[in-house]
Amino acid sequence: MPEMTDDVLVRVENVSKRFCRSLKRSLWYGLQDLGSEIAGRRHGGGSGLPQSSADVQLRQDEFWAVKDVSFELRRGECLGLIGRNGAGKTTLLRMLNGLIKTDTGKISVYGQTGSLIALGAGFNPILTGRENVKIAGSILGLSESKIREKLDEIVDFAEISDFIDSPVQGYSSGMQVRLGFAVATALNPDVLILDEVLAVGDLQFRMKCYSQIDKMRKDTAVIFVSHSLEHIGRICTKGLLLSHGSQAYQGNVSEALSGYADSFNAKGSTSNKATYCDQDFFYDVNSEVLDAENLNTGDPLRIALKLTARTESFVHVRVGLFSLSTGEIVGTAESRLSCPGGLSLKESEVQVLHLSISSIPLRSGRYDLRLSIFNARDNTQVYSSSRHHDLEIQSSFFGEVPTMIPLFSEGAI
């Protein structure tokens, strides 16, 4: 085990990992690399690992999953590792945990590591929860008496006392995560690695996890991966933003979160202006969110829709609510729920429809609204906009967001 210096528990220096898109070539390249390693050299030339990706020539169908990432993590710090799907987060975690080798650079981890990087990772599914806990403790070098001492604490935290002697393969996803987190934290690791551990559990479990991490933080370095801005902001002291395998930002956690949110809301990009408008139905359509500052859960949300229809018609309006922390739709506001027959439009007349959501049912976070309009006669889409209306909701609300929300019309002027 490397000797710890300056209380640094994790040191990552120009680490890269490449993969191959072709299975056949991947197997062949693996054999080549294994032969080179046995012979004391690696692809890229020189002895030992190349220092950076610049020293490596990618072969056909290869790509960098992680490229030249560097950071240090000290005791008492919590690093939030964020990025869109495919950014390289899990690959980096697997290298940190020693599951896969790096292709360039160096990783130094000082002390014992506890990790939960995949659902059920590290558990033998045919063994019981009790047996898996004993194995995990033995791997970390704990004595049998110490494991027994910790067992009750683990079972109490995971809330699986009735199932601790049942095979893990029969556990629900929530039970597996609770047991995995309890094992990873109760064995007092120096470095704790958590990948999306709070995505499965309920509110009570998340609160317990927050409390446990807060207790450990003084003596532990934590690496935490999540798509949730709320979780990252609550737990982490610094942030590392990955984009296409490369390090896009490292430092203040708020800046990292802003960069991550902007990756879903790239203001000024041509994609934000992309709009479908049926020119046989509309002359023009514009929309605006009114009084969008300082919104809280439960506040009303008002939208002004300015449009000019070519003929007298009836329409349904849909507002998609997208989370900027995940890029996924979290709810839909529909005018047809409050006005089943459709909203009336006059021929060749500029009108402003005032639409409203009476009570915003969103949790704390950043969201955008995307507008669609449908012909009420045959339900064909006549307008859609990917232009973003960026909203920030402040709240302590943790309840469920309804998938369908009434969108009320206050009339046209």
Protein backbone atom coordinates (compact mmCIF):
# COMPACT_ATOMS: atom_id res chain seq x y z
CA MET A 1 0.00 0.00 0.00
CA PRO A 2 1.45 3.43 -0.93
CA GLU A 3 2.54 5.71 1.88
CA MET A 4 0.07 8.53 2.50
CA THR A 5 1.35 12.09 2.18
CA ASP A 6 -0.25 15.41 3.22
CA ASP A 7 -3.47 13.61 4.16
CA VAL A 8 -4.13 12.90 0.47
CA LEU A 9 -6.13 9.67 0.25
CA VAL A 10 -6.71 9.57 -3.51
CA ARG A 11 -4.31 10.83 -6.17
CA VAL A 12 -5.19 10.47 -9.86
CA GLU A 13 -2.61 11.59 -12.42
CA ASN A 14 -3.39 11.79 -16.17
CA VAL A 15 -5.50 8.64 -16.08
CA SER A 16 -6.99 7.38 -19.34
CA LYS A 17 -8.85 4.28 -20.46
CA ARG A 18 -9.58 3.20 -24.03
CA PHE A 19 -12.13 0.72 -25.29
CA CYS A 20 -12.83 -0.83 -28.68
CA ARG A 21 -16.21 -0.73 -30.42
CA SER A 22 -15.56 -4.04 -32.19
CA LEU A 23 -15.70 -7.21 -30.05
CA LYS A 24 -13.39 -9.19 -32.35
CA ARG A 25 -10.80 -6.43 -32.53
CA SER A 26 -11.12 -5.89 -28.78
CA LEU A 27 -10.18 -9.53 -28.14
CA TRP A 28 -7.24 -9.30 -30.56
CA TYR A 29 -6.00 -6.02 -29.06
CA GLY A 30 -6.31 -7.56 -25.60
CA LEU A 31 -4.07 -10.45 -26.62
CA GLN A 32 -1.57 -8.01 -28.13
CA ASP A 33 -1.51 -5.89 -24.97
CA LEU A 34 -1.17 -8.95 -22.77
CA GLY A 35 1.78 -10.16 -24.82
CA SER A 36 3.38 -6.72 -24.64
CA GLU A 37 2.86 -6.60 -20.88
CA ILE A 38 4.41 -10.02 -20.40
CA ALA A 39 7.34 -8.89 -22.52
CA GLY A 40 7.74 -5.84 -20.29
CA ARG A 41 6.31 -3.24 -22.60
CA ARG A 42 2.92 -1.84 -23.52
CA HIS A 43 1.40 -0.55 -26.74
CA GLY A 44 2.60 3.06 -27.12
CA GLY A 45 6.24 2.32 -26.52
CA GLY A 46 8.54 2.70 -23.56
CA SER A 47 8.57 0.86 -20.26
CA GLY A 48 5.59 0.96 -17.90
CA LEU A 49 2.40 2.88 -18.63
CA PRO A 50 2.41 5.90 -20.96
CA GLN A 51 2.17 9.19 -19.09
CA SER A 52 -0.84 10.56 -21.01
CA SER A 53 -3.14 9.87 -23.95
CA ALA A 54 -0.81 11.88 -26.19
CA ASP A 55 1.71 9.04 -25.86
CA VAL A 56 -0.78 6.46 -27.18
CA GLN A 57 -1.90 5.89 -30.76
CA LEU A 58 -5.49 4.70 -30.92
CA ARG A 59 -6.01 1.64 -33.08
CA GLN A 60 -8.94 1.01 -35.42
CA ASP A 61 -12.35 1.25 -33.66
CA GLU A 62 -10.77 2.38 -30.36
CA PHE A 63 -11.93 5.44 -28.43
CA TRP A 64 -11.12 7.13 -25.12
CA ALA A 65 -13.74 6.33 -22.45
CA VAL A 66 -11.68 8.36 -19.95
CA LYS A 67 -8.97 10.75 -21.09
CA ASP A 68 -6.26 12.48 -19.01
CA VAL A 69 -8.22 12.93 -15.77
CA SER A 70 -6.32 14.22 -12.74
CA PHE A 71 -7.38 15.13 -9.20
CA GLU A 72 -6.46 14.80 -5.53
CA LEU A 73 -8.83 14.06 -2.67
CA ARG A 74 -7.96 14.64 0.97
CA ARG A 75 -9.42 13.30 4.17
CA GLY A 76 -12.60 15.20 4.99
CA GLU A 77 -13.39 16.05 1.36
CA CYS A 78 -16.26 14.75 -0.76
CA LEU A 79 -15.87 14.85 -4.53
CA GLY A 80 -19.01 14.94 -6.65
CA LEU A 81 -18.36 13.16 -9.95
CA ILE A 82 -20.93 14.33 -12.48
CA GLY A 83 -21.56 14.13 -16.20
CA ARG A 84 -24.09 12.93 -18.71
CA ASN A 85 -24.58 9.26 -19.52
CA GLY A 86 -21.48 7.93 -21.27
CA ALA A 87 -19.22 10.67 -19.87
CA GLY A 88 -16.88 8.10 -18.27
CA LYS A 89 -17.96 8.23 -14.63
CA THR A 90 -18.41 4.50 -14.05
CA THR A 91 -15.24 3.64 -15.98
CA LEU A 92 -13.27 6.03 -13.76
CA LEU A 93 -14.82 4.51 -10.64
CA ARG A 94 -13.93 1.00 -11.78
CA MET A 95 -10.32 2.08 -12.24
CA LEU A 96 -10.30 3.72 -8.81
CA ASN A 97 -11.66 0.51 -7.31
CA GLY A 98 -9.05 -1.62 -9.09
CA LEU A 99 -11.57 -3.51 -11.22
CA ILE A 100 -9.98 -2.47 -14.52
CA LYS A 101 -6.50 -1.24 -15.39
CA THR A 102 -5.61 2.21 -16.60
CA ASP A 103 -4.06 2.67 -20.04
CA THR A 104 -2.17 5.83 -19.09
CA GLY A 105 -1.29 7.66 -15.90
CA LYS A 106 -1.33 6.55 -12.30
CA ILE A 107 -3.87 6.04 -9.50
CA SER A 108 -2.79 6.01 -5.86
CA VAL A 109 -5.36 5.13 -3.18
CA TYR A 110 -4.17 5.22 0.44
CA GLY A 111 -5.91 3.14 3.08
CA GLN A 112 -8.93 0.86 2.91
CA THR A 113 -11.62 1.43 0.31
CA GLY A 114 -15.34 0.84 0.69
CA SER A 115 -17.40 1.01 -2.47
CA LEU A 116 -20.86 0.58 -3.88
CA ILE A 117 -20.54 1.06 -7.64
CA ALA A 118 -23.30 -1.21 -8.94
CA LEU A 119 -26.46 -2.79 -7.62
CA GLY A 120 -25.41 -5.94 -5.77
CA ALA A 121 -21.73 -5.43 -6.58
CA GLY A 122 -19.46 -7.47 -4.33
CA PHE A 123 -22.26 -9.76 -3.17
CA ASN A 124 -22.53 -13.45 -3.97
CA PRO A 125 -26.23 -13.79 -4.86
CA ILE A 126 -26.54 -17.40 -3.65
CA LEU A 127 -25.13 -16.59 -0.20
CA THR A 128 -27.14 -15.00 2.58
CA GLY A 129 -26.81 -11.39 3.63
CA ARG A 130 -25.02 -12.49 6.82
CA GLU A 131 -22.50 -14.58 4.86
CA ASN A 132 -21.81 -11.73 2.44
CA VAL A 133 -21.16 -9.33 5.32
CA LYS A 134 -18.64 -11.77 6.84
CA ILE A 135 -16.85 -12.15 3.50
CA ALA A 136 -16.68 -8.37 3.01
CA GLY A 137 -15.21 -7.92 6.49
CA SER A 138 -12.65 -10.70 5.95
CA ILE A 139 -11.49 -9.10 2.68
CA LEU A 140 -10.86 -5.87 4.60
CA GLY A 141 -8.82 -7.78 7.18
CA LEU A 142 -11.28 -7.53 10.07
CA SER A 143 -11.23 -10.19 12.75
CA GLU A 144 -14.22 -12.48 13.26
CA SER A 145 -15.07 -10.76 16.54
CA LYS A 146 -14.95 -7.33 14.88
CA ILE A 147 -17.23 -8.54 12.10
CA ARG A 148 -19.72 -9.87 14.66
CA GLU A 149 -19.58 -6.54 16.44
CA LYS A 150 -20.38 -4.68 13.22
CA LEU A 151 -23.04 -7.12 12.02
CA ASP A 152 -25.84 -5.81 14.23
CA GLU A 153 -25.03 -2.23 13.20
CA ILE A 154 -25.18 -3.21 9.51
CA VAL A 155 -28.45 -5.11 9.87
CA ASP A 156 -30.07 -2.26 11.83
CA PHE A 157 -29.02 0.33 9.25
CA ALA A 158 -30.13 -1.77 6.28
CA GLU A 159 -33.43 -2.65 8.00
CA ILE A 160 -33.32 -6.26 6.79
CA SER A 161 -33.30 -8.18 10.08
CA ASP A 162 -36.03 -10.52 8.81
CA PHE A 163 -34.04 -11.35 5.67
CA ILE A 164 -30.38 -11.32 6.79
CA ASP A 165 -30.28 -15.13 6.60
CA SER A 166 -31.94 -15.26 3.17
CA PRO A 167 -30.00 -15.44 -0.15
CA VAL A 168 -29.20 -12.00 -1.56
CA GLN A 169 -30.65 -12.98 -4.95
CA GLY A 170 -34.09 -12.77 -3.35
CA TYR A 171 -33.56 -9.18 -2.16
CA SER A 172 -35.30 -6.26 -3.83
CA SER A 173 -33.13 -3.55 -5.40
CA GLY A 174 -33.77 -1.30 -2.40
CA MET A 175 -32.72 -4.03 0.05
CA GLN A 176 -29.51 -4.68 -1.90
CA VAL A 177 -28.61 -1.00 -1.94
CA ARG A 178 -29.34 -0.61 1.79
CA LEU A 179 -27.17 -3.61 2.63
CA GLY A 180 -24.40 -2.50 0.27
CA PHE A 181 -24.32 1.01 1.71
CA ALA A 182 -24.42 -0.31 5.28
CA VAL A 183 -21.48 -2.65 4.61
CA ALA A 184 -19.47 0.02 2.75
CA THR A 185 -19.85 2.58 5.55
CA ALA A 186 -19.91 0.44 8.71
CA LEU A 187 -16.46 -1.05 8.06
CA ASN A 188 -14.89 2.44 8.46
CA PRO A 189 -13.05 2.77 5.12
CA ASP A 190 -10.55 5.54 4.50
CA VAL A 191 -11.97 6.04 0.99
CA LEU A 192 -15.68 5.62 0.25
CA ILE A 193 -16.87 5.31 -3.37
CA LEU A 194 -20.61 5.56 -4.03
CA ASP A 195 -22.26 5.34 -7.46
CA GLU A 196 -25.93 6.42 -7.63
CA VAL A 197 -26.58 4.88 -4.20
CA LEU A 198 -29.37 7.34 -3.40
CA ALA A 199 -31.23 6.82 -6.68
CA VAL A 200 -32.98 3.64 -5.49
CA GLY A 201 -33.81 4.34 -1.86
CA ASP A 202 -36.81 6.18 -0.47
CA LEU A 203 -36.74 9.49 1.40
CA GLN A 204 -36.13 7.89 4.81
CA PHE A 205 -33.16 5.93 3.45
CA ARG A 206 -31.70 9.04 1.80
CA MET A 207 -31.90 10.92 5.09
CA LYS A 208 -30.08 8.06 6.85
CA CYS A 209 -27.40 8.08 4.15
CA TYR A 210 -26.91 11.83 4.50
CA SER A 211 -26.51 11.46 8.25
CA GLN A 212 -24.07 8.56 7.92
CA ILE A 213 -21.91 10.36 5.35
CA ASP A 214 -21.85 13.48 7.54
CA LYS A 215 -20.60 11.36 10.47
CA MET A 216 -17.87 9.76 8.36
CA ARG A 217 -16.72 12.80 6.42
CA LYS A 218 -14.19 14.02 8.98
CA ASP A 219 -12.10 10.84 8.71
CA THR A 220 -12.94 9.72 5.19
CA ALA A 221 -12.52 10.84 1.58
CA VAL A 222 -15.76 10.30 -0.35
CA ILE A 223 -16.27 10.02 -4.11
CA PHE A 224 -19.96 10.36 -4.91
CA VAL A 225 -21.60 9.88 -8.32
CA SER A 226 -25.13 11.01 -9.05
CA HIS A 227 -27.27 12.59 -11.75
CA SER A 228 -29.14 14.47 -9.03
CA LEU A 229 -28.06 18.08 -8.51
CA GLU A 230 -29.85 17.97 -5.17
CA HIS A 231 -27.78 15.03 -3.89
CA ILE A 232 -24.46 16.40 -5.18
CA GLY A 233 -25.13 19.84 -3.72
CA ARG A 234 -26.19 18.36 -0.36
CA ILE A 235 -23.20 16.06 0.12
CA CYS A 236 -20.17 17.25 -1.85
CA THR A 237 -17.48 19.82 -1.07
CA LYS A 238 -16.01 19.92 -4.60
CA GLY A 239 -17.03 18.82 -8.07
CA LEU A 240 -15.50 17.13 -11.10
CA LEU A 241 -17.46 17.43 -14.35
CA LEU A 242 -16.72 14.89 -17.09
CA SER A 243 -17.68 15.37 -20.73
CA HIS A 244 -17.01 12.67 -23.34
CA GLY A 245 -14.40 11.15 -21.04
CA SER A 246 -12.45 14.38 -20.52
CA GLN A 247 -12.28 16.67 -17.52
CA ALA A 248 -14.50 19.66 -18.32
CA TYR A 249 -14.29 21.34 -14.90
CA GLN A 250 -12.85 20.71 -11.45
CA GLY A 251 -13.33 22.84 -8.36
CA ASN A 252 -16.26 24.60 -6.72
CA VAL A 253 -19.24 22.26 -6.56
CA SER A 254 -21.74 24.99 -7.52
CA GLU A 255 -19.78 25.80 -10.67
CA ALA A 256 -19.58 22.11 -11.55
CA LEU A 257 -23.35 21.75 -11.11
CA SER A 258 -23.98 24.82 -13.27
CA GLY A 259 -21.78 23.37 -15.99
CA TYR A 260 -23.62 20.07 -15.80
CA ALA A 261 -27.03 21.75 -16.00
CA ASP A 262 -25.86 23.86 -18.94
CA SER A 263 -24.94 20.68 -20.83
CA PHE A 264 -28.70 20.03 -21.00
CA ASN A 265 -29.53 23.67 -21.52
CA ALA A 266 -26.90 24.94 -23.92
CA LYS A 267 -28.14 28.48 -24.22
CA GLY A 268 -27.45 30.12 -27.54
CA SER A 269 -27.02 26.84 -29.40
CA THR A 270 -28.90 26.39 -32.66
CA SER A 271 -30.72 23.36 -31.23
CA ASN A 272 -32.59 25.60 -28.78
CA LYS A 273 -34.10 27.48 -31.71
CA ALA A 274 -35.24 24.33 -33.50
CA THR A 275 -39.03 24.57 -33.83
CA TYR A 276 -41.64 22.66 -35.80
CA CYS A 277 -44.54 24.80 -36.90
CA ASP A 278 -47.23 23.66 -39.33
CA GLN A 279 -47.35 26.64 -41.71
CA ASP A 280 -50.76 25.54 -42.95
CA PHE A 281 -52.09 25.91 -39.40
CA PHE A 282 -50.22 28.89 -37.90
CA TYR A 283 -48.77 32.12 -39.14
CA ASP A 284 -46.68 32.56 -36.01
CA VAL A 285 -46.24 31.19 -32.46
CA ASN A 286 -44.31 32.64 -29.50
CA SER A 287 -44.34 31.81 -25.81
CA GLU A 288 -43.14 33.34 -22.54
CA VAL A 289 -43.07 32.22 -18.90
CA LEU A 290 -44.33 35.02 -16.67
CA ASP A 291 -42.96 35.86 -13.21
CA ALA A 292 -40.44 33.01 -13.37
CA GLU A 293 -38.13 34.38 -10.66
CA ASN A 294 -38.00 32.94 -7.11
CA LEU A 295 -40.45 30.11 -7.72
CA ASN A 296 -41.25 27.64 -4.95
CA THR A 297 -43.09 24.35 -4.91
CA GLY A 298 -46.82 25.10 -4.74
CA ASP A 299 -46.56 28.48 -6.49
CA PRO A 300 -48.63 29.06 -9.64
CA LEU A 301 -46.83 29.04 -12.99
CA ARG A 302 -48.15 31.29 -15.76
CA ILE A 303 -47.38 31.02 -19.47
CA ALA A 304 -48.32 33.51 -22.19
CA LEU A 305 -48.76 31.96 -25.64
CA LYS A 306 -48.94 34.47 -28.50
CA LEU A 307 -50.13 32.97 -31.78
CA THR A 308 -51.95 33.60 -35.03
CA ALA A 309 -53.97 30.77 -36.58
CA ARG A 310 -54.76 30.64 -40.29
CA THR A 311 -58.26 29.27 -39.73
CA GLU A 312 -60.75 29.08 -36.89
CA SER A 313 -59.81 26.01 -34.87
CA PHE A 314 -59.50 24.31 -31.49
CA VAL A 315 -56.20 23.17 -29.99
CA HIS A 316 -54.75 21.30 -27.04
CA VAL A 317 -51.54 22.61 -25.43
CA ARG A 318 -49.00 20.40 -23.70
CA VAL A 319 -46.09 21.60 -21.56
CA GLY A 320 -43.35 19.06 -20.92
CA LEU A 321 -41.44 19.53 -17.65
CA PHE A 322 -37.83 18.37 -18.00
CA SER A 323 -35.32 17.98 -15.18
CA LEU A 324 -31.97 19.55 -16.00
CA SER A 325 -30.26 17.19 -13.54
CA THR A 326 -31.18 14.11 -15.58
CA GLY A 327 -32.40 15.42 -18.93
CA GLU A 328 -35.56 13.34 -18.46
CA ILE A 329 -39.20 14.41 -18.48
CA VAL A 330 -40.66 14.49 -14.96
CA GLY A 331 -44.20 15.54 -15.73
CA THR A 332 -46.61 16.88 -18.34
CA ALA A 333 -49.14 19.70 -18.07
CA GLU A 334 -52.13 19.22 -20.41
CA SER A 335 -54.82 21.75 -21.31
CA ARG A 336 -57.15 18.90 -22.37
CA LEU A 337 -57.50 17.92 -18.69
CA SER A 338 -59.20 21.24 -17.92
CA CYS A 339 -60.69 21.92 -21.37
CA PRO A 340 -61.45 18.61 -23.13
CA GLY A 341 -62.96 20.28 -26.20
CA GLY A 342 -59.86 22.36 -26.90
CA LEU A 343 -58.92 26.02 -26.70
CA SER A 344 -60.64 28.21 -29.29
CA LEU A 345 -58.55 30.10 -31.87
CA LYS A 346 -59.91 32.72 -34.29
CA GLU A 347 -58.98 33.02 -37.94
CA SER A 348 -56.04 35.33 -38.82
CA GLU A 349 -56.20 37.14 -35.49
CA VAL A 350 -53.25 37.68 -33.14
CA GLN A 351 -54.23 36.13 -29.81
CA VAL A 352 -52.54 35.70 -26.45
CA LEU A 353 -53.55 32.59 -24.52
CA HIS A 354 -52.86 32.84 -20.79
CA LEU A 355 -52.18 29.35 -19.45
CA SER A 356 -51.38 28.38 -15.89
CA ILE A 357 -50.38 25.50 -13.65
CA SER A 358 -52.20 26.32 -10.41
CA SER A 359 -49.60 24.70 -8.13
CA ILE A 360 -46.09 23.70 -9.21
CA PRO A 361 -45.57 20.09 -8.03
CA LEU A 362 -41.81 20.03 -8.60
CA ARG A 363 -38.98 19.28 -6.20
CA SER A 364 -36.07 21.66 -5.68
CA GLY A 365 -33.91 21.88 -8.78
CA ARG A 366 -33.60 23.32 -12.28
CA TYR A 367 -36.11 22.54 -15.01
CA ASP A 368 -37.06 23.61 -18.49
CA LEU A 369 -40.44 23.77 -20.17
CA ARG A 370 -41.05 22.59 -23.75
CA LEU A 371 -44.23 23.46 -25.55
CA SER A 372 -46.34 21.39 -27.97
CA ILE A 373 -49.68 22.22 -29.63
CA PHE A 374 -52.12 19.69 -31.12
CA ASN A 375 -55.11 20.09 -33.41
CA ALA A 376 -58.05 19.09 -31.20
CA ARG A 377 -59.99 17.76 -34.21
CA ASP A 378 -57.61 14.87 -35.05
CA ASN A 379 -54.89 15.22 -32.37
CA THR A 380 -52.14 15.87 -34.94
CA GLN A 381 -49.19 17.92 -33.71
CA VAL A 382 -49.07 21.35 -35.30
CA TYR A 383 -46.32 22.97 -33.22
CA SER A 384 -43.40 21.93 -31.02
CA SER A 385 -40.51 23.90 -29.65
CA SER A 386 -37.23 22.76 -28.11
CA ARG A 387 -36.56 26.35 -27.05
CA HIS A 388 -35.95 26.24 -23.30
CA HIS A 389 -37.76 28.15 -20.59
CA ASP A 390 -35.31 27.68 -17.72
CA LEU A 391 -36.86 27.50 -14.24
CA GLU A 392 -35.25 27.14 -10.83
CA ILE A 393 -37.47 25.77 -8.07
CA GLN A 394 -36.59 26.27 -4.40
CA SER A 395 -38.20 23.75 -2.09
CA SER A 396 -37.88 21.16 0.65
CA PHE A 397 -40.54 19.06 -1.10
CA PHE A 398 -39.51 15.40 -1.62
CA GLY A 399 -42.85 13.90 -2.68
CA GLU A 400 -43.84 12.29 -5.95
CA VAL A 401 -44.37 14.49 -9.02
CA PRO A 402 -47.64 13.65 -10.82
CA THR A 403 -47.11 12.55 -14.41
CA MET A 404 -50.18 14.46 -15.65
CA ILE A 405 -50.94 18.01 -14.47
CA PRO A 406 -53.92 20.19 -15.49
CA LEU A 407 -53.00 23.23 -17.60
CA PHE A 408 -55.69 25.88 -17.17
CA SER A 409 -56.62 28.56 -19.68
CA GLU A 410 -57.41 32.05 -18.44
CA GLY A 411 -58.81 32.99 -21.85
CA ALA A 412 -57.46 34.73 -24.91
CA ILE A 413 -57.03 38.42 -25.56
